[in-house]
Amino acid sequence: MLLTKRSIPFRDITITDDPALAAEMHERSGSHLVPQVFIGEQLVGGFDELCALDKSGELEKMLGG
């Protein structure tokens, strides 16, 4: 909802039924928890980290805005 509310385009990838995608996400993030948020190739973390970046203004900077 945060990304939609801010009109930030995103791609939602469901890994539940795809073990290969789940393994890739774990390899990239080091975590089995979802969601895992990436901006480009950079791991932001989960929802709490995304919210913290938004509140601090860093999310806008990361997105080049």
PDB file of N, CA and C in Angstrom:
ATOM      1  N   MET A   1       0.817  -1.197   0.000  1.00  0.00           N
ATOM      2  CA  MET A   1       0.000   0.000   0.000  1.00  0.00           C
ATOM      3  C   MET A   1       0.860   1.259   0.000  1.00  0.00           C
ATOM      4  N   LEU A   2       1.970   1.240   0.708  1.00  0.00           N
ATOM      5  CA  LEU A   2       2.830   2.422   0.771  1.00  0.00           C
ATOM      6  C   LEU A   2       3.306   2.826  -0.617  1.00  0.00           C
ATOM      7  N   LEU A   3       3.765   1.867  -1.380  1.00  0.00           N
ATOM      8  CA  LEU A   3       4.267   2.169  -2.722  1.00  0.00           C
ATOM      9  C   LEU A   3       3.144   2.652  -3.631  1.00  0.00           C
ATOM     10  N   THR A   4       1.990   2.030  -3.532  1.00  0.00           N
ATOM     11  CA  THR A   4       0.839   2.444  -4.329  1.00  0.00           C
ATOM     12  C   THR A   4       0.407   3.855  -3.931  1.00  0.00           C
ATOM     13  N   LYS A   5       0.344   4.118  -2.634  1.00  0.00           N
ATOM     14  CA  LYS A   5      -0.060   5.431  -2.124  1.00  0.00           C
ATOM     15  C   LYS A   5       0.888   6.526  -2.607  1.00  0.00           C
ATOM     16  N   ARG A   6       2.160   6.204  -2.712  1.00  0.00           N
ATOM     17  CA  ARG A   6       3.172   7.168  -3.157  1.00  0.00           C
ATOM     18  C   ARG A   6       3.344   7.174  -4.680  1.00  0.00           C
ATOM     19  N   SER A   7       2.519   6.390  -5.373  1.00  0.00           N
ATOM     20  CA  SER A   7       2.586   6.260  -6.846  1.00  0.00           C
ATOM     21  C   SER A   7       3.976   5.823  -7.321  1.00  0.00           C
ATOM     22  N   ILE A   8       4.565   4.906  -6.555  1.00  0.00           N
ATOM     23  CA  ILE A   8       5.872   4.347  -6.899  1.00  0.00           C
ATOM     24  C   ILE A   8       5.629   3.010  -7.590  1.00  0.00           C
ATOM     25  N   PRO A   9       6.030   2.894  -8.841  1.00  0.00           N
ATOM     26  CA  PRO A   9       5.813   1.619  -9.533  1.00  0.00           C
ATOM     27  C   PRO A   9       6.643   0.504  -8.900  1.00  0.00           C
ATOM     28  N   PHE A  10       6.076  -0.681  -8.858  1.00  0.00           N
ATOM     29  CA  PHE A  10       6.785  -1.825  -8.288  1.00  0.00           C
ATOM     30  C   PHE A  10       6.296  -3.096  -8.955  1.00  0.00           C
ATOM     31  N   ARG A  11       7.085  -4.137  -8.763  1.00  0.00           N
ATOM     32  CA  ARG A  11       6.710  -5.454  -9.271  1.00  0.00           C
ATOM     33  C   ARG A  11       6.618  -6.386  -8.067  1.00  0.00           C
ATOM     34  N   ASP A  12       5.475  -7.003  -7.907  1.00  0.00           N
ATOM     35  CA  ASP A  12       5.227  -7.932  -6.813  1.00  0.00           C
ATOM     36  C   ASP A  12       5.481  -9.337  -7.336  1.00  0.00           C
ATOM     37  N   ILE A  13       6.452 -10.019  -6.761  1.00  0.00           N
ATOM     38  CA  ILE A  13       6.802 -11.361  -7.202  1.00  0.00           C
ATOM     39  C   ILE A  13       6.399 -12.346  -6.107  1.00  0.00           C
ATOM     40  N   THR A  14       5.487 -13.236  -6.413  1.00  0.00           N
ATOM     41  CA  THR A  14       5.041 -14.248  -5.456  1.00  0.00           C
ATOM     42  C   THR A  14       5.957 -15.457  -5.553  1.00  0.00           C
ATOM     43  N   ILE A  15       6.540 -15.822  -4.420  1.00  0.00           N
ATOM     44  CA  ILE A  15       7.493 -16.943  -4.409  1.00  0.00           C
ATOM     45  C   ILE A  15       6.907 -18.199  -3.773  1.00  0.00           C
ATOM     46  N   THR A  16       5.702 -18.112  -3.279  1.00  0.00           N
ATOM     47  CA  THR A  16       5.089 -19.201  -2.511  1.00  0.00           C
ATOM     48  C   THR A  16       5.097 -20.537  -3.236  1.00  0.00           C
ATOM     49  N   ASP A  17       4.741 -20.537  -4.498  1.00  0.00           N
ATOM     50  CA  ASP A  17       4.613 -21.794  -5.231  1.00  0.00           C
ATOM     51  C   ASP A  17       5.786 -22.074  -6.164  1.00  0.00           C
ATOM     52  N   ASP A  18       6.885 -21.345  -5.966  1.00  0.00           N
ATOM     53  CA  ASP A  18       8.036 -21.514  -6.857  1.00  0.00           C
ATOM     54  C   ASP A  18       9.316 -21.648  -6.030  1.00  0.00           C
ATOM     55  N   PRO A  19       9.735 -22.881  -5.758  1.00  0.00           N
ATOM     56  CA  PRO A  19      10.927 -23.104  -4.933  1.00  0.00           C
ATOM     57  C   PRO A  19      12.186 -22.428  -5.498  1.00  0.00           C
ATOM     58  N   ALA A  20      12.304 -22.344  -6.810  1.00  0.00           N
ATOM     59  CA  ALA A  20      13.480 -21.706  -7.410  1.00  0.00           C
ATOM     60  C   ALA A  20      13.492 -20.211  -7.101  1.00  0.00           C
ATOM     61  N   LEU A  21      12.342 -19.553  -7.192  1.00  0.00           N
ATOM     62  CA  LEU A  21      12.270 -18.129  -6.854  1.00  0.00           C
ATOM     63  C   LEU A  21      12.512 -17.912  -5.365  1.00  0.00           C
ATOM     64  N   ALA A  22      11.981 -18.808  -4.532  1.00  0.00           N
ATOM     65  CA  ALA A  22      12.195 -18.703  -3.088  1.00  0.00           C
ATOM     66  C   ALA A  22      13.682 -18.838  -2.768  1.00  0.00           C
ATOM     67  N   ALA A  23      14.353 -19.760  -3.427  1.00  0.00           N
ATOM     68  CA  ALA A  23      15.793 -19.949  -3.211  1.00  0.00           C
ATOM     69  C   ALA A  23      16.581 -18.722  -3.673  1.00  0.00           C
ATOM     70  N   GLU A  24      16.175 -18.151  -4.806  1.00  0.00           N
ATOM     71  CA  GLU A  24      16.851 -16.948  -5.306  1.00  0.00           C
ATOM     72  C   GLU A  24      16.681 -15.782  -4.332  1.00  0.00           C
ATOM     73  N   MET A  25      15.462 -15.594  -3.814  1.00  0.00           N
ATOM     74  CA  MET A  25      15.216 -14.530  -2.854  1.00  0.00           C
ATOM     75  C   MET A  25      16.060 -14.727  -1.601  1.00  0.00           C
ATOM     76  N   HIS A  26      16.127 -15.965  -1.130  1.00  0.00           N
ATOM     77  CA  HIS A  26      16.927 -16.241   0.060  1.00  0.00           C
ATOM     78  C   HIS A  26      18.401 -15.964  -0.200  1.00  0.00           C
ATOM     79  N   GLU A  27      18.882 -16.354  -1.360  1.00  0.00           N
ATOM     80  CA  GLU A  27      20.280 -16.118  -1.707  1.00  0.00           C
ATOM     81  C   GLU A  27      20.582 -14.616  -1.773  1.00  0.00           C
ATOM     82  N   ARG A  28      19.667 -13.857  -2.350  1.00  0.00           N
ATOM     83  CA  ARG A  28      19.884 -12.414  -2.497  1.00  0.00           C
ATOM     84  C   ARG A  28      19.742 -11.669  -1.183  1.00  0.00           C
ATOM     85  N   SER A  29      18.805 -12.097  -0.336  1.00  0.00           N
ATOM     86  CA  SER A  29      18.512 -11.330   0.876  1.00  0.00           C
ATOM     87  C   SER A  29      19.076 -11.951   2.148  1.00  0.00           C
ATOM     88  N   GLY A  30      19.334 -13.254   2.104  1.00  0.00           N
ATOM     89  CA  GLY A  30      19.774 -13.941   3.314  1.00  0.00           C
ATOM     90  C   GLY A  30      18.624 -14.236   4.272  1.00  0.00           C
ATOM     91  N   SER A  31      17.405 -14.051   3.817  1.00  0.00           N
ATOM     92  CA  SER A  31      16.247 -14.234   4.684  1.00  0.00           C
ATOM     93  C   SER A  31      15.165 -15.040   3.972  1.00  0.00           C
ATOM     94  N   HIS A  32      14.393 -15.767   4.777  1.00  0.00           N
ATOM     95  CA  HIS A  32      13.239 -16.494   4.247  1.00  0.00           C
ATOM     96  C   HIS A  32      11.949 -15.702   4.466  1.00  0.00           C
ATOM     97  N   LEU A  33      12.045 -14.577   5.171  1.00  0.00           N
ATOM     98  CA  LEU A  33      10.862 -13.778   5.469  1.00  0.00           C
ATOM     99  C   LEU A  33      10.430 -12.979   4.253  1.00  0.00           C
ATOM    100  N   VAL A  34       9.142 -12.736   4.137  1.00  0.00           N
ATOM    101  CA  VAL A  34       8.604 -11.894   3.081  1.00  0.00           C
ATOM    102  C   VAL A  34       7.736 -10.821   3.706  1.00  0.00           C
ATOM    103  N   PRO A  35       7.642  -9.658   3.124  1.00  0.00           N
ATOM    104  CA  PRO A  35       8.255  -9.294   1.851  1.00  0.00           C
ATOM    105  C   PRO A  35       9.723  -8.926   2.022  1.00  0.00           C
ATOM    106  N   GLN A  36      10.443  -9.039   0.951  1.00  0.00           N
ATOM    107  CA  GLN A  36      11.800  -8.524   0.838  1.00  0.00           C
ATOM    108  C   GLN A  36      11.748  -7.468  -0.261  1.00  0.00           C
ATOM    109  N   VAL A  37      12.149  -6.275   0.062  1.00  0.00           N
ATOM    110  CA  VAL A  37      12.035  -5.150  -0.864  1.00  0.00           C
ATOM    111  C   VAL A  37      13.413  -4.829  -1.428  1.00  0.00           C
ATOM    112  N   PHE A  38      13.478  -4.775  -2.741  1.00  0.00           N
ATOM    113  CA  PHE A  38      14.700  -4.396  -3.438  1.00  0.00           C
ATOM    114  C   PHE A  38      14.416  -3.148  -4.252  1.00  0.00           C
ATOM    115  N   ILE A  39      15.366  -2.250  -4.292  1.00  0.00           N
ATOM    116  CA  ILE A  39      15.326  -1.128  -5.220  1.00  0.00           C
ATOM    117  C   ILE A  39      16.501  -1.360  -6.149  1.00  0.00           C
ATOM    118  N   GLY A  40      16.169  -1.711  -7.383  1.00  0.00           N
ATOM    119  CA  GLY A  40      17.210  -2.175  -8.296  1.00  0.00           C
ATOM    120  C   GLY A  40      17.777  -3.458  -7.725  1.00  0.00           C
ATOM    121  N   GLU A  41      19.064  -3.524  -7.570  1.00  0.00           N
ATOM    122  CA  GLU A  41      19.717  -4.697  -6.988  1.00  0.00           C
ATOM    123  C   GLU A  41      19.959  -4.543  -5.488  1.00  0.00           C
ATOM    124  N   GLN A  42      19.626  -3.370  -4.925  1.00  0.00           N
ATOM    125  CA  GLN A  42      19.904  -3.094  -3.514  1.00  0.00           C
ATOM    126  C   GLN A  42      18.768  -3.572  -2.623  1.00  0.00           C
ATOM    127  N   LEU A  43      19.114  -4.382  -1.636  1.00  0.00           N
ATOM    128  CA  LEU A  43      18.135  -4.852  -0.660  1.00  0.00           C
ATOM    129  C   LEU A  43      17.812  -3.731   0.311  1.00  0.00           C
ATOM    130  N   VAL A  44      16.535  -3.409   0.427  1.00  0.00           N
ATOM    131  CA  VAL A  44      16.063  -2.431   1.403  1.00  0.00           C
ATOM    132  C   VAL A  44      15.752  -3.141   2.707  1.00  0.00           C
ATOM    133  N   GLY A  45      15.190  -4.322   2.618  1.00  0.00           N
ATOM    134  CA  GLY A  45      14.771  -5.083   3.788  1.00  0.00           C
ATOM    135  C   GLY A  45      13.304  -5.422   3.634  1.00  0.00           C
ATOM    136  N   GLY A  46      12.601  -5.428   4.742  1.00  0.00           N
ATOM    137  CA  GLY A  46      11.173  -5.708   4.723  1.00  0.00           C
ATOM    138  C   GLY A  46      10.353  -4.436   4.792  1.00  0.00           C
ATOM    139  N   PHE A  47       9.090  -4.594   5.160  1.00  0.00           N
ATOM    140  CA  PHE A  47       8.176  -3.457   5.197  1.00  0.00           C
ATOM    141  C   PHE A  47       8.600  -2.418   6.225  1.00  0.00           C
ATOM    142  N   ASP A  48       9.039  -2.852   7.391  1.00  0.00           N
ATOM    143  CA  ASP A  48       9.448  -1.895   8.433  1.00  0.00           C
ATOM    144  C   ASP A  48      10.594  -1.008   7.945  1.00  0.00           C
ATOM    145  N   GLU A  49      11.559  -1.616   7.268  1.00  0.00           N
ATOM    146  CA  GLU A  49      12.690  -0.849   6.750  1.00  0.00           C
ATOM    147  C   GLU A  49      12.249   0.107   5.644  1.00  0.00           C
ATOM    148  N   LEU A  50      11.323  -0.354   4.798  1.00  0.00           N
ATOM    149  CA  LEU A  50      10.794   0.501   3.742  1.00  0.00           C
ATOM    150  C   LEU A  50      10.083   1.713   4.349  1.00  0.00           C
ATOM    151  N   CYS A  51       9.275   1.500   5.370  1.00  0.00           N
ATOM    152  CA  CYS A  51       8.578   2.599   6.040  1.00  0.00           C
ATOM    153  C   CYS A  51       9.556   3.580   6.676  1.00  0.00           C
ATOM    154  N   ALA A  52      10.595   3.053   7.308  1.00  0.00           N
ATOM    155  CA  ALA A  52      11.592   3.922   7.924  1.00  0.00           C
ATOM    156  C   ALA A  52      12.290   4.785   6.881  1.00  0.00           C
ATOM    157  N   LEU A  53      12.617   4.198   5.734  1.00  0.00           N
ATOM    158  CA  LEU A  53      13.230   4.973   4.661  1.00  0.00           C
ATOM    159  C   LEU A  53      12.278   6.058   4.165  1.00  0.00           C
ATOM    160  N   ASP A  54      11.006   5.726   4.058  1.00  0.00           N
ATOM    161  CA  ASP A  54      10.021   6.700   3.602  1.00  0.00           C
ATOM    162  C   ASP A  54       9.905   7.853   4.592  1.00  0.00           C
ATOM    163  N   LYS A  55       9.797   7.543   5.875  1.00  0.00           N
ATOM    164  CA  LYS A  55       9.641   8.574   6.903  1.00  0.00           C
ATOM    165  C   LYS A  55      10.863   9.479   6.996  1.00  0.00           C
ATOM    166  N   SER A  56      12.045   8.935   6.743  1.00  0.00           N
ATOM    167  CA  SER A  56      13.268   9.727   6.852  1.00  0.00           C
ATOM    168  C   SER A  56      13.565  10.541   5.582  1.00  0.00           C
ATOM    169  N   GLY A  57      12.820  10.264   4.505  1.00  0.00           N
ATOM    170  CA  GLY A  57      13.086  10.939   3.235  1.00  0.00           C
ATOM    171  C   GLY A  57      14.105  10.233   2.379  1.00  0.00           C
ATOM    172  N   GLU A  58      14.702   9.179   2.907  1.00  0.00           N
ATOM    173  CA  GLU A  58      15.749   8.459   2.155  1.00  0.00           C
ATOM    174  C   GLU A  58      15.183   7.672   0.983  1.00  0.00           C
ATOM    175  N   LEU A  59      13.930   7.217   1.088  1.00  0.00           N
ATOM    176  CA  LEU A  59      13.334   6.456  -0.001  1.00  0.00           C
ATOM    177  C   LEU A  59      13.267   7.315  -1.252  1.00  0.00           C
ATOM    178  N   GLU A  60      12.836   8.550  -1.107  1.00  0.00           N
ATOM    179  CA  GLU A  60      12.755   9.451  -2.254  1.00  0.00           C
ATOM    180  C   GLU A  60      14.138   9.660  -2.871  1.00  0.00           C
ATOM    181  N   LYS A  61      15.155   9.802  -2.036  1.00  0.00           N
ATOM    182  CA  LYS A  61      16.529   9.964  -2.544  1.00  0.00           C
ATOM    183  C   LYS A  61      16.976   8.723  -3.299  1.00  0.00           C
ATOM    184  N   MET A  62      16.657   7.540  -2.755  1.00  0.00           N
ATOM    185  CA  MET A  62      17.055   6.293  -3.407  1.00  0.00           C
ATOM    186  C   MET A  62      16.402   6.139  -4.768  1.00  0.00           C
ATOM    187  N   LEU A  63      15.189   6.686  -4.888  1.00  0.00           N
ATOM    188  CA  LEU A  63      14.443   6.578  -6.140  1.00  0.00           C
ATOM    189  C   LEU A  63      14.786   7.696  -7.111  1.00  0.00           C
ATOM    190  N   GLY A  64      15.685   8.571  -6.694  1.00  0.00           N
ATOM    191  CA  GLY A  64      16.133   9.642  -7.577  1.00  0.00           C
ATOM    192  C   GLY A  64      15.180  10.817  -7.652  1.00  0.00           C
ATOM    193  N   GLY A  65      14.330  10.962  -6.628  1.00  0.00           N
ATOM    194  CA  GLY A  65      13.342  12.031  -6.652  1.00  0.00           C
ATOM    195  C   GLY A  65      13.649  13.082  -5.730  1.00  0.00           C
TER     196      GLY A  65
END
